[in-house]
Amino acid sequence: MTKEWISSLVQEIKQNGHESAENYSQSQHRSQVITTKGQPFFSALIIALEEDVNEIRTGLQGDVTSSDTLFQKIGPTEVKLTRKAFPWFDVRVTYRDPVVILDYAKGLGVAGDPTVDRKTCHFTFQVDTADNLFVQPSFDEKPVTFTQAEDLAQHITELLFKP
Protein backbone atom coordinates (compact mmCIF):
# COMPACT_ATOMS: atom_id res chain seq x y z
CA MET A 1 0.00 0.00 0.00
CA THR A 2 1.38 3.41 -1.02
CA LYS A 3 1.87 6.00 1.65
CA GLU A 4 -0.41 9.00 1.32
CA TRP A 5 2.43 11.52 1.24
CA ILE A 6 4.13 9.58 -1.56
CA SER A 7 0.91 9.54 -3.60
CA SER A 8 0.62 13.27 -3.05
CA LEU A 9 4.26 13.80 -4.08
CA VAL A 10 3.76 11.67 -7.21
CA GLN A 11 0.74 13.77 -8.20
CA GLU A 12 2.72 16.98 -7.62
CA ILE A 13 5.60 15.71 -9.78
CA LYS A 14 3.17 14.75 -12.54
CA GLN A 15 1.49 18.14 -12.40
CA ASN A 16 4.61 20.27 -12.20
CA GLY A 17 6.75 18.26 -14.60
CA HIS A 18 4.14 17.50 -17.26
CA GLU A 19 4.67 20.65 -19.35
CA SER A 20 8.45 20.46 -19.08
CA ALA A 21 8.42 16.79 -20.06
CA GLU A 22 6.20 17.49 -23.08
CA ASN A 23 8.40 20.42 -24.15
CA TYR A 24 11.48 18.24 -23.81
CA SER A 25 9.88 15.46 -25.85
CA GLN A 26 8.90 17.91 -28.60
CA SER A 27 12.38 19.41 -28.57
CA GLN A 28 13.95 15.96 -28.94
CA HIS A 29 11.58 15.17 -31.80
CA ARG A 30 12.45 18.43 -33.60
CA SER A 31 16.16 17.71 -33.13
CA GLN A 32 15.69 14.28 -34.67
CA VAL A 33 13.83 15.76 -37.66
CA ILE A 34 16.64 18.30 -38.15
CA THR A 35 19.29 15.60 -37.94
CA THR A 36 17.39 13.41 -40.41
CA LYS A 37 16.48 16.12 -42.92
CA GLY A 38 19.32 18.64 -42.42
CA GLN A 39 22.04 16.82 -44.35
CA PRO A 40 19.81 16.16 -47.41
CA PHE A 41 18.76 19.84 -47.34
CA PHE A 42 22.42 20.89 -47.25
CA SER A 43 23.25 18.52 -50.13
CA ALA A 44 20.39 20.03 -52.17
CA LEU A 45 21.65 23.51 -51.24
CA ILE A 46 25.13 22.73 -52.59
CA ILE A 47 23.73 21.30 -55.84
CA ALA A 48 21.53 24.38 -56.34
CA LEU A 49 24.40 26.74 -55.46
CA GLU A 50 26.70 25.04 -57.97
CA GLU A 51 23.98 25.23 -60.65
CA ASP A 52 23.48 28.96 -59.95
CA VAL A 53 27.21 29.66 -60.16
CA ASN A 54 27.47 27.67 -63.40
CA GLU A 55 24.57 29.61 -64.94
CA ILE A 56 26.25 32.90 -64.02
CA ARG A 57 29.54 31.62 -65.46
CA THR A 58 27.77 30.73 -68.71
CA GLY A 59 25.95 34.06 -68.83
CA LEU A 60 29.18 36.04 -68.40
CA GLN A 61 31.20 33.99 -70.89
CA GLY A 62 32.95 36.30 -73.35
CA ASP A 63 32.18 39.43 -71.30
CA VAL A 64 34.87 41.63 -69.77
CA THR A 65 33.46 40.79 -66.31
CA SER A 66 33.95 37.08 -66.90
CA SER A 67 36.21 35.53 -64.29
CA ASP A 68 36.89 31.96 -63.29
CA THR A 69 34.82 30.79 -60.33
CA LEU A 70 36.18 27.72 -58.56
CA PHE A 71 33.68 25.47 -56.78
CA GLN A 72 35.37 22.89 -54.52
CA LYS A 73 33.60 20.21 -52.51
CA ILE A 74 35.76 19.81 -49.42
CA GLY A 75 33.59 16.98 -48.11
CA PRO A 76 29.93 16.14 -47.53
CA THR A 77 29.57 19.07 -45.12
CA GLU A 78 31.66 21.82 -46.71
CA VAL A 79 32.25 23.62 -50.00
CA LYS A 80 34.58 26.42 -50.97
CA LEU A 81 33.97 28.98 -53.70
CA THR A 82 36.56 31.41 -54.98
CA ARG A 83 36.37 34.00 -57.72
CA LYS A 84 39.25 36.19 -58.84
CA ALA A 85 37.44 39.34 -59.95
CA PHE A 86 34.28 41.32 -60.75
CA PRO A 87 33.33 40.49 -58.02
CA TRP A 88 36.05 38.56 -56.23
CA PHE A 89 35.14 36.39 -53.27
CA ASP A 90 36.44 33.70 -50.98
CA VAL A 91 33.62 31.63 -49.48
CA ARG A 92 33.11 28.59 -47.30
CA VAL A 93 29.68 27.04 -46.77
CA THR A 94 29.63 24.51 -43.96
CA TYR A 95 26.95 22.31 -42.43
CA ARG A 96 27.14 21.71 -38.69
CA ASP A 97 23.90 20.25 -37.38
CA PRO A 98 21.72 22.32 -36.75
CA VAL A 99 23.24 25.25 -38.71
CA VAL A 100 24.61 26.19 -42.11
CA ILE A 101 27.53 28.61 -41.81
CA LEU A 102 28.39 31.01 -44.61
CA ASP A 103 31.85 32.52 -44.09
CA TYR A 104 32.99 34.92 -46.81
CA ALA A 105 35.02 37.89 -47.95
CA LYS A 106 34.19 39.75 -51.15
CA GLY A 107 34.92 42.86 -53.15
CA LEU A 108 33.72 44.47 -56.37
CA GLY A 109 37.04 44.62 -58.22
CA VAL A 110 39.99 42.29 -58.40
CA ALA A 111 40.98 39.88 -55.66
CA GLY A 112 41.66 41.39 -52.28
CA ASP A 113 42.86 39.89 -49.05
CA PRO A 114 40.46 37.08 -48.07
CA THR A 115 41.51 37.38 -44.41
CA VAL A 116 40.29 40.98 -44.16
CA ASP A 117 36.66 41.97 -43.66
CA ARG A 118 35.29 38.45 -43.48
CA LYS A 119 31.64 38.07 -42.64
CA THR A 120 29.87 35.10 -41.17
CA CYS A 121 26.19 34.26 -41.47
CA HIS A 122 24.54 31.45 -39.56
CA PHE A 123 21.36 29.85 -40.84
CA THR A 124 19.58 27.71 -38.25
CA PHE A 125 17.38 24.76 -39.11
CA GLN A 126 13.91 24.84 -37.59
CA VAL A 127 10.93 22.50 -37.72
CA ASP A 128 7.30 23.57 -37.90
CA THR A 129 4.38 21.76 -36.25
CA ALA A 130 3.93 19.53 -39.32
CA ASP A 131 7.60 18.40 -39.19
CA ASN A 132 8.55 20.52 -42.21
CA LEU A 133 12.15 21.68 -42.18
CA PHE A 134 13.06 25.31 -42.87
CA VAL A 135 16.08 27.55 -42.39
CA GLN A 136 16.30 31.07 -40.98
CA PRO A 137 19.18 33.47 -40.43
CA SER A 138 20.14 32.94 -36.81
CA PHE A 139 20.62 36.50 -35.64
CA ASP A 140 18.21 38.61 -37.72
CA GLU A 141 15.48 40.51 -35.92
CA LYS A 142 13.04 39.75 -38.74
CA PRO A 143 14.43 36.55 -40.26
CA VAL A 144 13.50 35.40 -43.74
CA THR A 145 12.33 31.80 -43.90
CA PHE A 146 13.83 29.47 -46.52
CA THR A 147 11.72 26.35 -46.99
CA GLN A 148 13.55 25.17 -50.11
CA ALA A 149 17.29 24.64 -50.53
CA GLU A 150 17.07 26.41 -53.89
CA ASP A 151 15.79 29.58 -52.20
CA LEU A 152 18.71 29.64 -49.77
CA ALA A 153 21.10 29.01 -52.69
CA GLN A 154 19.60 31.99 -54.52
CA HIS A 155 20.01 34.15 -51.40
CA ILE A 156 23.68 33.16 -51.05
CA THR A 157 24.35 33.64 -54.79
CA GLU A 158 22.81 37.11 -54.72
CA LEU A 159 24.76 37.99 -51.58
CA LEU A 160 28.02 37.06 -53.32
CA PHE A 161 27.43 38.53 -56.75
CA LYS A 162 25.44 41.69 -55.99
CA PRO A 163 27.29 44.87 -54.99
C-alpha atoms as a PDB file:
ATOM      1  CA  MET A   1       0.000   0.000   0.000  1.00  0.00           C
ATOM      2  CA  THR A   2       1.376   3.414  -1.020  1.00  0.00           C
ATOM      3  CA  LYS A   3       1.867   6.001   1.650  1.00  0.00           C
ATOM      4  CA  GLU A   4      -0.411   8.997   1.319  1.00  0.00           C
ATOM      5  CA  TRP A   5       2.434  11.519   1.240  1.00  0.00           C
ATOM      6  CA  ILE A   6       4.126   9.576  -1.562  1.00  0.00           C
ATOM      7  CA  SER A   7       0.911   9.538  -3.597  1.00  0.00           C
ATOM      8  CA  SER A   8       0.622  13.265  -3.047  1.00  0.00           C
ATOM      9  CA  LEU A   9       4.256  13.804  -4.075  1.00  0.00           C
ATOM     10  CA  VAL A  10       3.764  11.673  -7.214  1.00  0.00           C
ATOM     11  CA  GLN A  11       0.742  13.773  -8.204  1.00  0.00           C
ATOM     12  CA  GLU A  12       2.716  16.975  -7.624  1.00  0.00           C
ATOM     13  CA  ILE A  13       5.602  15.710  -9.775  1.00  0.00           C
ATOM     14  CA  LYS A  14       3.165  14.746 -12.542  1.00  0.00           C
ATOM     15  CA  GLN A  15       1.488  18.144 -12.400  1.00  0.00           C
ATOM     16  CA  ASN A  16       4.615  20.270 -12.203  1.00  0.00           C
ATOM     17  CA  GLY A  17       6.750  18.260 -14.596  1.00  0.00           C
ATOM     18  CA  HIS A  18       4.141  17.504 -17.256  1.00  0.00           C
ATOM     19  CA  GLU A  19       4.669  20.650 -19.349  1.00  0.00           C
ATOM     20  CA  SER A  20       8.448  20.459 -19.079  1.00  0.00           C
ATOM     21  CA  ALA A  21       8.425  16.786 -20.063  1.00  0.00           C
ATOM     22  CA  GLU A  22       6.202  17.489 -23.079  1.00  0.00           C
ATOM     23  CA  ASN A  23       8.397  20.416 -24.153  1.00  0.00           C
ATOM     24  CA  TYR A  24      11.483  18.244 -23.806  1.00  0.00           C
ATOM     25  CA  SER A  25       9.880  15.465 -25.845  1.00  0.00           C
ATOM     26  CA  GLN A  26       8.899  17.911 -28.602  1.00  0.00           C
ATOM     27  CA  SER A  27      12.384  19.405 -28.572  1.00  0.00           C
ATOM     28  CA  GLN A  28      13.946  15.957 -28.935  1.00  0.00           C
ATOM     29  CA  HIS A  29      11.581  15.170 -31.799  1.00  0.00           C
ATOM     30  CA  ARG A  30      12.455  18.430 -33.603  1.00  0.00           C
ATOM     31  CA  SER A  31      16.156  17.712 -33.126  1.00  0.00           C
ATOM     32  CA  GLN A  32      15.688  14.278 -34.668  1.00  0.00           C
ATOM     33  CA  VAL A  33      13.833  15.760 -37.657  1.00  0.00           C
ATOM     34  CA  ILE A  34      16.637  18.301 -38.145  1.00  0.00           C
ATOM     35  CA  THR A  35      19.292  15.603 -37.936  1.00  0.00           C
ATOM     36  CA  THR A  36      17.393  13.405 -40.405  1.00  0.00           C
ATOM     37  CA  LYS A  37      16.478  16.124 -42.923  1.00  0.00           C
ATOM     38  CA  GLY A  38      19.319  18.635 -42.420  1.00  0.00           C
ATOM     39  CA  GLN A  39      22.039  16.818 -44.355  1.00  0.00           C
ATOM     40  CA  PRO A  40      19.806  16.155 -47.408  1.00  0.00           C
ATOM     41  CA  PHE A  41      18.758  19.842 -47.337  1.00  0.00           C
ATOM     42  CA  PHE A  42      22.419  20.887 -47.249  1.00  0.00           C
ATOM     43  CA  SER A  43      23.248  18.523 -50.127  1.00  0.00           C
ATOM     44  CA  ALA A  44      20.394  20.025 -52.174  1.00  0.00           C
ATOM     45  CA  LEU A  45      21.651  23.514 -51.241  1.00  0.00           C
ATOM     46  CA  ILE A  46      25.125  22.732 -52.591  1.00  0.00           C
ATOM     47  CA  ILE A  47      23.735  21.299 -55.842  1.00  0.00           C
ATOM     48  CA  ALA A  48      21.533  24.383 -56.336  1.00  0.00           C
ATOM     49  CA  LEU A  49      24.398  26.737 -55.461  1.00  0.00           C
ATOM     50  CA  GLU A  50      26.695  25.044 -57.970  1.00  0.00           C
ATOM     51  CA  GLU A  51      23.981  25.231 -60.646  1.00  0.00           C
ATOM     52  CA  ASP A  52      23.476  28.961 -59.946  1.00  0.00           C
ATOM     53  CA  VAL A  53      27.212  29.658 -60.163  1.00  0.00           C
ATOM     54  CA  ASN A  54      27.467  27.669 -63.403  1.00  0.00           C
ATOM     55  CA  GLU A  55      24.573  29.612 -64.939  1.00  0.00           C
ATOM     56  CA  ILE A  56      26.251  32.901 -64.017  1.00  0.00           C
ATOM     57  CA  ARG A  57      29.539  31.623 -65.461  1.00  0.00           C
ATOM     58  CA  THR A  58      27.768  30.735 -68.713  1.00  0.00           C
ATOM     59  CA  GLY A  59      25.952  34.061 -68.834  1.00  0.00           C
ATOM     60  CA  LEU A  60      29.181  36.036 -68.405  1.00  0.00           C
ATOM     61  CA  GLN A  61      31.202  33.991 -70.887  1.00  0.00           C
ATOM     62  CA  GLY A  62      32.955  36.305 -73.350  1.00  0.00           C
ATOM     63  CA  ASP A  63      32.179  39.431 -71.303  1.00  0.00           C
ATOM     64  CA  VAL A  64      34.871  41.629 -69.773  1.00  0.00           C
ATOM     65  CA  THR A  65      33.456  40.789 -66.313  1.00  0.00           C
ATOM     66  CA  SER A  66      33.946  37.078 -66.898  1.00  0.00           C
ATOM     67  CA  SER A  67      36.207  35.526 -64.291  1.00  0.00           C
ATOM     68  CA  ASP A  68      36.892  31.962 -63.287  1.00  0.00           C
ATOM     69  CA  THR A  69      34.820  30.789 -60.327  1.00  0.00           C
ATOM     70  CA  LEU A  70      36.176  27.722 -58.561  1.00  0.00           C
ATOM     71  CA  PHE A  71      33.678  25.475 -56.779  1.00  0.00           C
ATOM     72  CA  GLN A  72      35.374  22.894 -54.521  1.00  0.00           C
ATOM     73  CA  LYS A  73      33.601  20.214 -52.509  1.00  0.00           C
ATOM     74  CA  ILE A  74      35.761  19.809 -49.421  1.00  0.00           C
ATOM     75  CA  GLY A  75      33.588  16.975 -48.113  1.00  0.00           C
ATOM     76  CA  PRO A  76      29.925  16.142 -47.533  1.00  0.00           C
ATOM     77  CA  THR A  77      29.571  19.065 -45.118  1.00  0.00           C
ATOM     78  CA  GLU A  78      31.665  21.819 -46.708  1.00  0.00           C
ATOM     79  CA  VAL A  79      32.245  23.616 -50.001  1.00  0.00           C
ATOM     80  CA  LYS A  80      34.583  26.424 -50.972  1.00  0.00           C
ATOM     81  CA  LEU A  81      33.974  28.985 -53.705  1.00  0.00           C
ATOM     82  CA  THR A  82      36.557  31.406 -54.981  1.00  0.00           C
ATOM     83  CA  ARG A  83      36.372  34.000 -57.724  1.00  0.00           C
ATOM     84  CA  LYS A  84      39.254  36.193 -58.836  1.00  0.00           C
ATOM     85  CA  ALA A  85      37.445  39.343 -59.945  1.00  0.00           C
ATOM     86  CA  PHE A  86      34.282  41.316 -60.745  1.00  0.00           C
ATOM     87  CA  PRO A  87      33.334  40.489 -58.019  1.00  0.00           C
ATOM     88  CA  TRP A  88      36.048  38.563 -56.232  1.00  0.00           C
ATOM     89  CA  PHE A  89      35.142  36.386 -53.270  1.00  0.00           C
ATOM     90  CA  ASP A  90      36.444  33.696 -50.977  1.00  0.00           C
ATOM     91  CA  VAL A  91      33.624  31.626 -49.476  1.00  0.00           C
ATOM     92  CA  ARG A  92      33.107  28.586 -47.302  1.00  0.00           C
ATOM     93  CA  VAL A  93      29.681  27.044 -46.772  1.00  0.00           C
ATOM     94  CA  THR A  94      29.629  24.514 -43.957  1.00  0.00           C
ATOM     95  CA  TYR A  95      26.953  22.310 -42.429  1.00  0.00           C
ATOM     96  CA  ARG A  96      27.137  21.710 -38.694  1.00  0.00           C
ATOM     97  CA  ASP A  97      23.902  20.246 -37.382  1.00  0.00           C
ATOM     98  CA  PRO A  98      21.716  22.323 -36.748  1.00  0.00           C
ATOM     99  CA  VAL A  99      23.245  25.247 -38.709  1.00  0.00           C
ATOM    100  CA  VAL A 100      24.614  26.188 -42.105  1.00  0.00           C
ATOM    101  CA  ILE A 101      27.526  28.609 -41.809  1.00  0.00           C
ATOM    102  CA  LEU A 102      28.388  31.007 -44.612  1.00  0.00           C
ATOM    103  CA  ASP A 103      31.850  32.518 -44.093  1.00  0.00           C
ATOM    104  CA  TYR A 104      32.993  34.916 -46.807  1.00  0.00           C
ATOM    105  CA  ALA A 105      35.017  37.894 -47.946  1.00  0.00           C
ATOM    106  CA  LYS A 106      34.195  39.750 -51.151  1.00  0.00           C
ATOM    107  CA  GLY A 107      34.923  42.855 -53.150  1.00  0.00           C
ATOM    108  CA  LEU A 108      33.718  44.470 -56.374  1.00  0.00           C
ATOM    109  CA  GLY A 109      37.035  44.618 -58.222  1.00  0.00           C
ATOM    110  CA  VAL A 110      39.987  42.294 -58.396  1.00  0.00           C
ATOM    111  CA  ALA A 111      40.977  39.881 -55.655  1.00  0.00           C
ATOM    112  CA  GLY A 112      41.657  41.391 -52.278  1.00  0.00           C
ATOM    113  CA  ASP A 113      42.860  39.888 -49.049  1.00  0.00           C
ATOM    114  CA  PRO A 114      40.458  37.083 -48.073  1.00  0.00           C
ATOM    115  CA  THR A 115      41.506  37.379 -44.412  1.00  0.00           C
ATOM    116  CA  VAL A 116      40.293  40.981 -44.163  1.00  0.00           C
ATOM    117  CA  ASP A 117      36.661  41.970 -43.658  1.00  0.00           C
ATOM    118  CA  ARG A 118      35.295  38.445 -43.484  1.00  0.00           C
ATOM    119  CA  LYS A 119      31.645  38.073 -42.641  1.00  0.00           C
ATOM    120  CA  THR A 120      29.867  35.102 -41.170  1.00  0.00           C
ATOM    121  CA  CYS A 121      26.186  34.262 -41.472  1.00  0.00           C
ATOM    122  CA  HIS A 122      24.543  31.449 -39.556  1.00  0.00           C
ATOM    123  CA  PHE A 123      21.360  29.846 -40.841  1.00  0.00           C
ATOM    124  CA  THR A 124      19.580  27.707 -38.255  1.00  0.00           C
ATOM    125  CA  PHE A 125      17.385  24.757 -39.111  1.00  0.00           C
ATOM    126  CA  GLN A 126      13.911  24.841 -37.587  1.00  0.00           C
ATOM    127  CA  VAL A 127      10.928  22.499 -37.717  1.00  0.00           C
ATOM    128  CA  ASP A 128       7.295  23.574 -37.899  1.00  0.00           C
ATOM    129  CA  THR A 129       4.381  21.756 -36.252  1.00  0.00           C
ATOM    130  CA  ALA A 130       3.929  19.530 -39.325  1.00  0.00           C
ATOM    131  CA  ASP A 131       7.598  18.400 -39.191  1.00  0.00           C
ATOM    132  CA  ASN A 132       8.548  20.517 -42.208  1.00  0.00           C
ATOM    133  CA  LEU A 133      12.145  21.684 -42.180  1.00  0.00           C
ATOM    134  CA  PHE A 134      13.063  25.311 -42.869  1.00  0.00           C
ATOM    135  CA  VAL A 135      16.080  27.549 -42.387  1.00  0.00           C
ATOM    136  CA  GLN A 136      16.304  31.072 -40.981  1.00  0.00           C
ATOM    137  CA  PRO A 137      19.184  33.473 -40.426  1.00  0.00           C
ATOM    138  CA  SER A 138      20.139  32.942 -36.807  1.00  0.00           C
ATOM    139  CA  PHE A 139      20.615  36.498 -35.641  1.00  0.00           C
ATOM    140  CA  ASP A 140      18.212  38.614 -37.719  1.00  0.00           C
ATOM    141  CA  GLU A 141      15.482  40.514 -35.917  1.00  0.00           C
ATOM    142  CA  LYS A 142      13.044  39.748 -38.738  1.00  0.00           C
ATOM    143  CA  PRO A 143      14.435  36.552 -40.256  1.00  0.00           C
ATOM    144  CA  VAL A 144      13.498  35.395 -43.743  1.00  0.00           C
ATOM    145  CA  THR A 145      12.332  31.805 -43.903  1.00  0.00           C
ATOM    146  CA  PHE A 146      13.826  29.475 -46.516  1.00  0.00           C
ATOM    147  CA  THR A 147      11.719  26.350 -46.995  1.00  0.00           C
ATOM    148  CA  GLN A 148      13.545  25.168 -50.112  1.00  0.00           C
ATOM    149  CA  ALA A 149      17.293  24.644 -50.529  1.00  0.00           C
ATOM    150  CA  GLU A 150      17.073  26.409 -53.893  1.00  0.00           C
ATOM    151  CA  ASP A 151      15.786  29.577 -52.201  1.00  0.00           C
ATOM    152  CA  LEU A 152      18.706  29.642 -49.772  1.00  0.00           C
ATOM    153  CA  ALA A 153      21.099  29.006 -52.690  1.00  0.00           C
ATOM    154  CA  GLN A 154      19.602  31.992 -54.516  1.00  0.00           C
ATOM    155  CA  HIS A 155      20.008  34.148 -51.405  1.00  0.00           C
ATOM    156  CA  ILE A 156      23.681  33.156 -51.050  1.00  0.00           C
ATOM    157  CA  THR A 157      24.345  33.638 -54.787  1.00  0.00           C
ATOM    158  CA  GLU A 158      22.812  37.113 -54.723  1.00  0.00           C
ATOM    159  CA  LEU A 159      24.764  37.986 -51.581  1.00  0.00           C
ATOM    160  CA  LEU A 160      28.022  37.056 -53.316  1.00  0.00           C
ATOM    161  CA  PHE A 161      27.432  38.530 -56.751  1.00  0.00           C
ATOM    162  CA  LYS A 162      25.437  41.692 -55.986  1.00  0.00           C
ATOM    163  CA  PRO A 163      27.292  44.873 -54.988  1.00  0.00           C
END
